[in-house]
Amino acid sequence: MKKEIHPKNYRPVVFKDISNDEIFISRSTINAKETIEIDGVTYPLVKLEITSSSHPFYTGKQKLVDTAGRVDKFMSRYGNRNKKK
């Protein structure tokens, strides 16, 4: 392995899935503005919107999120195209 090619600031960082509040600790060089204390140790905190613990591909559960009526708007435009008149 080549020497001096990897960053020197690898450190444990907590990643938190905000959709289901699951956390995991991994090593990273990412800059974090927040911190969290776990088992008496303070770690940098990075919040993620989706991870493998909440993604439908990995969980096998499909979740439909209706944000500001987007699904209703889509269905009113395109939902009735297959119906015969």
N, C-alpha and C. Protein backbone atom coordinates (compact mmCIF):
# COMPACT_ATOMS: atom_id res chain seq x y z
N MET A 1 0.84 -1.18 0.00
CA MET A 1 0.00 0.00 0.00
C MET A 1 0.89 1.24 0.00
N LYS A 2 0.53 2.24 -0.79
CA LYS A 2 1.33 3.45 -0.87
C LYS A 2 1.22 4.25 0.42
N LYS A 3 2.30 4.84 0.81
CA LYS A 3 2.32 5.67 2.02
C LYS A 3 1.97 7.11 1.67
N GLU A 4 1.41 7.80 2.65
CA GLU A 4 1.11 9.23 2.56
C GLU A 4 0.08 9.60 1.48
N ILE A 5 -0.82 8.69 1.12
CA ILE A 5 -1.86 9.06 0.16
C ILE A 5 -3.23 9.20 0.82
N HIS A 6 -3.37 8.71 2.04
CA HIS A 6 -4.66 8.78 2.73
C HIS A 6 -4.69 9.98 3.68
N PRO A 7 -5.86 10.60 3.86
CA PRO A 7 -5.97 11.73 4.78
C PRO A 7 -5.64 11.30 6.20
N LYS A 8 -5.11 12.24 6.95
CA LYS A 8 -4.70 11.94 8.33
C LYS A 8 -5.83 12.19 9.32
N ASN A 9 -6.93 12.79 8.90
CA ASN A 9 -8.00 13.13 9.84
C ASN A 9 -9.14 12.12 9.86
N TYR A 10 -8.86 10.85 9.61
CA TYR A 10 -9.87 9.81 9.82
C TYR A 10 -10.19 9.75 11.30
N ARG A 11 -11.47 9.72 11.62
CA ARG A 11 -11.90 9.64 13.01
C ARG A 11 -13.26 9.00 13.06
N PRO A 12 -13.66 8.47 14.21
CA PRO A 12 -15.01 7.92 14.33
C PRO A 12 -16.05 9.04 14.21
N VAL A 13 -17.08 8.80 13.42
CA VAL A 13 -18.17 9.75 13.20
C VAL A 13 -19.48 8.99 13.32
N VAL A 14 -20.47 9.63 13.94
CA VAL A 14 -21.80 9.03 14.06
C VAL A 14 -22.66 9.52 12.90
N PHE A 15 -23.27 8.57 12.18
CA PHE A 15 -24.23 8.88 11.12
C PHE A 15 -25.61 8.51 11.64
N LYS A 16 -26.56 9.45 11.52
CA LYS A 16 -27.91 9.24 12.04
C LYS A 16 -28.91 9.36 10.90
N ASP A 17 -29.73 8.32 10.75
CA ASP A 17 -30.82 8.31 9.77
C ASP A 17 -31.99 9.05 10.41
N ILE A 18 -32.36 10.21 9.87
CA ILE A 18 -33.40 11.02 10.51
C ILE A 18 -34.80 10.48 10.27
N SER A 19 -34.95 9.53 9.33
CA SER A 19 -36.29 8.98 9.08
C SER A 19 -36.67 7.91 10.10
N ASN A 20 -35.69 7.22 10.70
CA ASN A 20 -36.02 6.21 11.70
C ASN A 20 -35.13 6.28 12.94
N ASP A 21 -34.33 7.32 13.07
CA ASP A 21 -33.47 7.59 14.24
C ASP A 21 -32.45 6.49 14.52
N GLU A 22 -32.10 5.70 13.53
CA GLU A 22 -31.06 4.69 13.71
C GLU A 22 -29.69 5.36 13.54
N ILE A 23 -28.74 4.97 14.38
CA ILE A 23 -27.40 5.55 14.30
C ILE A 23 -26.38 4.44 14.10
N PHE A 24 -25.26 4.80 13.47
CA PHE A 24 -24.13 3.89 13.38
C PHE A 24 -22.85 4.71 13.37
N ILE A 25 -21.80 4.10 13.86
CA ILE A 25 -20.51 4.77 13.95
C ILE A 25 -19.58 4.18 12.90
N SER A 26 -18.93 5.07 12.17
CA SER A 26 -17.99 4.66 11.15
C SER A 26 -16.85 5.67 11.14
N ARG A 27 -15.76 5.32 10.51
CA ARG A 27 -14.65 6.26 10.40
C ARG A 27 -14.84 7.08 9.13
N SER A 28 -14.57 8.39 9.24
CA SER A 28 -14.77 9.28 8.11
C SER A 28 -13.92 10.53 8.27
N THR A 29 -13.80 11.28 7.18
CA THR A 29 -13.13 12.57 7.22
C THR A 29 -14.12 13.71 7.04
N ILE A 30 -15.42 13.42 7.01
CA ILE A 30 -16.45 14.42 6.77
C ILE A 30 -16.47 15.47 7.89
N ASN A 31 -16.71 16.72 7.52
CA ASN A 31 -16.83 17.78 8.51
C ASN A 31 -18.24 17.79 9.06
N ALA A 32 -18.36 17.89 10.36
CA ALA A 32 -19.68 17.88 11.01
C ALA A 32 -19.80 19.10 11.91
N LYS A 33 -20.99 19.69 11.91
CA LYS A 33 -21.25 20.87 12.74
C LYS A 33 -21.83 20.50 14.10
N GLU A 34 -22.44 19.33 14.19
CA GLU A 34 -23.06 18.90 15.43
C GLU A 34 -22.27 17.76 16.05
N THR A 35 -22.51 17.55 17.35
CA THR A 35 -21.89 16.43 18.05
C THR A 35 -22.96 15.67 18.81
N ILE A 36 -22.63 14.44 19.19
CA ILE A 36 -23.53 13.59 19.96
C ILE A 36 -22.68 12.79 20.93
N GLU A 37 -23.26 12.53 22.11
CA GLU A 37 -22.55 11.74 23.10
C GLU A 37 -23.16 10.34 23.18
N ILE A 38 -22.30 9.34 23.00
CA ILE A 38 -22.72 7.94 23.07
C ILE A 38 -21.78 7.22 24.01
N ASP A 39 -22.33 6.62 25.06
CA ASP A 39 -21.55 5.88 26.05
C ASP A 39 -20.42 6.72 26.63
N GLY A 40 -20.69 8.00 26.86
CA GLY A 40 -19.70 8.88 27.48
C GLY A 40 -18.66 9.43 26.54
N VAL A 41 -18.74 9.12 25.26
CA VAL A 41 -17.78 9.61 24.27
C VAL A 41 -18.51 10.56 23.32
N THR A 42 -17.91 11.71 23.04
CA THR A 42 -18.50 12.69 22.14
C THR A 42 -17.96 12.47 20.73
N TYR A 43 -18.90 12.33 19.77
CA TYR A 43 -18.55 12.10 18.37
C TYR A 43 -19.14 13.22 17.52
N PRO A 44 -18.54 13.51 16.36
CA PRO A 44 -19.20 14.38 15.39
C PRO A 44 -20.45 13.68 14.85
N LEU A 45 -21.50 14.44 14.56
CA LEU A 45 -22.78 13.88 14.11
C LEU A 45 -23.09 14.36 12.71
N VAL A 46 -23.40 13.40 11.83
CA VAL A 46 -23.83 13.70 10.47
C VAL A 46 -25.22 13.11 10.30
N LYS A 47 -26.19 13.96 9.94
CA LYS A 47 -27.57 13.51 9.76
C LYS A 47 -27.80 13.18 8.29
N LEU A 48 -28.41 12.02 8.04
CA LEU A 48 -28.70 11.56 6.69
C LEU A 48 -30.20 11.39 6.53
N GLU A 49 -30.71 11.68 5.34
CA GLU A 49 -32.14 11.52 5.10
C GLU A 49 -32.52 10.07 4.86
N ILE A 50 -31.63 9.29 4.27
CA ILE A 50 -31.95 7.90 3.98
C ILE A 50 -30.68 7.07 4.04
N THR A 51 -30.80 5.89 4.61
CA THR A 51 -29.69 4.94 4.69
C THR A 51 -30.22 3.56 4.32
N SER A 52 -29.38 2.56 4.42
CA SER A 52 -29.82 1.20 4.11
C SER A 52 -30.87 0.71 5.11
N SER A 53 -30.94 1.31 6.29
CA SER A 53 -31.94 0.88 7.27
C SER A 53 -33.33 1.45 6.99
N SER A 54 -33.42 2.44 6.09
CA SER A 54 -34.74 3.00 5.78
C SER A 54 -35.06 2.99 4.29
N HIS A 55 -34.14 2.61 3.44
CA HIS A 55 -34.39 2.60 2.00
C HIS A 55 -35.26 1.41 1.62
N PRO A 56 -36.29 1.63 0.81
CA PRO A 56 -37.21 0.54 0.45
C PRO A 56 -36.53 -0.65 -0.22
N PHE A 57 -35.46 -0.45 -0.94
CA PHE A 57 -34.77 -1.56 -1.59
C PHE A 57 -34.22 -2.54 -0.56
N TYR A 58 -33.69 -2.03 0.55
CA TYR A 58 -33.09 -2.88 1.57
C TYR A 58 -34.11 -3.38 2.58
N THR A 59 -35.14 -2.59 2.85
CA THR A 59 -36.13 -2.98 3.86
C THR A 59 -37.24 -3.84 3.29
N GLY A 60 -37.50 -3.73 1.99
CA GLY A 60 -38.58 -4.48 1.37
C GLY A 60 -39.94 -3.86 1.60
N LYS A 61 -39.98 -2.69 2.22
CA LYS A 61 -41.24 -2.00 2.49
C LYS A 61 -41.29 -0.73 1.66
N GLN A 62 -42.35 -0.59 0.90
CA GLN A 62 -42.53 0.61 0.10
C GLN A 62 -43.29 1.63 0.93
N LYS A 63 -42.78 2.85 0.99
CA LYS A 63 -43.42 3.90 1.76
C LYS A 63 -43.72 5.05 0.82
N LEU A 64 -44.99 5.44 0.74
CA LEU A 64 -45.42 6.52 -0.13
C LEU A 64 -45.50 7.79 0.70
N VAL A 65 -44.72 8.78 0.31
CA VAL A 65 -44.70 10.05 1.04
C VAL A 65 -45.41 11.09 0.19
N ASP A 66 -46.46 11.66 0.72
CA ASP A 66 -47.21 12.69 0.01
C ASP A 66 -46.74 14.05 0.51
N THR A 67 -45.93 14.71 -0.29
CA THR A 67 -45.40 16.01 0.08
C THR A 67 -46.17 17.07 -0.66
N ALA A 68 -46.92 17.86 0.05
CA ALA A 68 -47.69 18.99 -0.49
C ALA A 68 -48.62 18.58 -1.62
N GLY A 69 -49.23 17.40 -1.51
CA GLY A 69 -50.22 16.97 -2.48
C GLY A 69 -49.66 16.57 -3.83
N ARG A 70 -48.38 16.24 -3.91
CA ARG A 70 -47.77 15.89 -5.19
C ARG A 70 -48.37 14.62 -5.78
N VAL A 71 -48.67 13.67 -4.94
CA VAL A 71 -49.25 12.43 -5.43
C VAL A 71 -50.65 12.69 -5.97
N ASP A 72 -51.44 13.47 -5.26
CA ASP A 72 -52.79 13.79 -5.73
C ASP A 72 -52.75 14.57 -7.04
N LYS A 73 -51.80 15.48 -7.16
CA LYS A 73 -51.66 16.25 -8.38
C LYS A 73 -51.29 15.35 -9.55
N PHE A 74 -50.38 14.43 -9.32
CA PHE A 74 -49.98 13.48 -10.37
C PHE A 74 -51.15 12.61 -10.78
N MET A 75 -51.88 12.08 -9.79
CA MET A 75 -53.01 11.20 -10.10
C MET A 75 -54.10 11.95 -10.85
N SER A 76 -54.34 13.21 -10.53
CA SER A 76 -55.37 13.95 -11.25
C SER A 76 -54.95 14.21 -12.69
N ARG A 77 -53.66 14.34 -12.95
CA ARG A 77 -53.19 14.57 -14.32
C ARG A 77 -53.09 13.28 -15.12
N TYR A 78 -52.45 12.26 -14.54
CA TYR A 78 -52.08 11.09 -15.31
C TYR A 78 -52.72 9.78 -14.83
N GLY A 79 -53.40 9.79 -13.73
CA GLY A 79 -53.90 8.57 -13.13
C GLY A 79 -55.04 7.91 -13.89
N ASN A 80 -55.82 8.64 -14.62
CA ASN A 80 -57.00 8.10 -15.30
C ASN A 80 -56.76 7.81 -16.77
N ARG A 81 -55.55 7.70 -17.22
CA ARG A 81 -55.26 7.50 -18.63
C ARG A 81 -55.63 6.12 -19.13
N ASN A 82 -55.59 5.10 -18.28
CA ASN A 82 -55.88 3.74 -18.71
C ASN A 82 -57.37 3.40 -18.69
N LYS A 83 -58.18 4.24 -18.10
CA LYS A 83 -59.61 3.99 -18.04
C LYS A 83 -60.25 4.31 -19.38
N LYS A 84 -61.18 3.42 -19.81
CA LYS A 84 -61.91 3.67 -21.05
C LYS A 84 -63.05 4.61 -20.79
N LYS A 85 -63.31 5.45 -21.75
CA LYS A 85 -64.39 6.42 -21.60
C LYS A 85 -65.68 5.93 -22.16
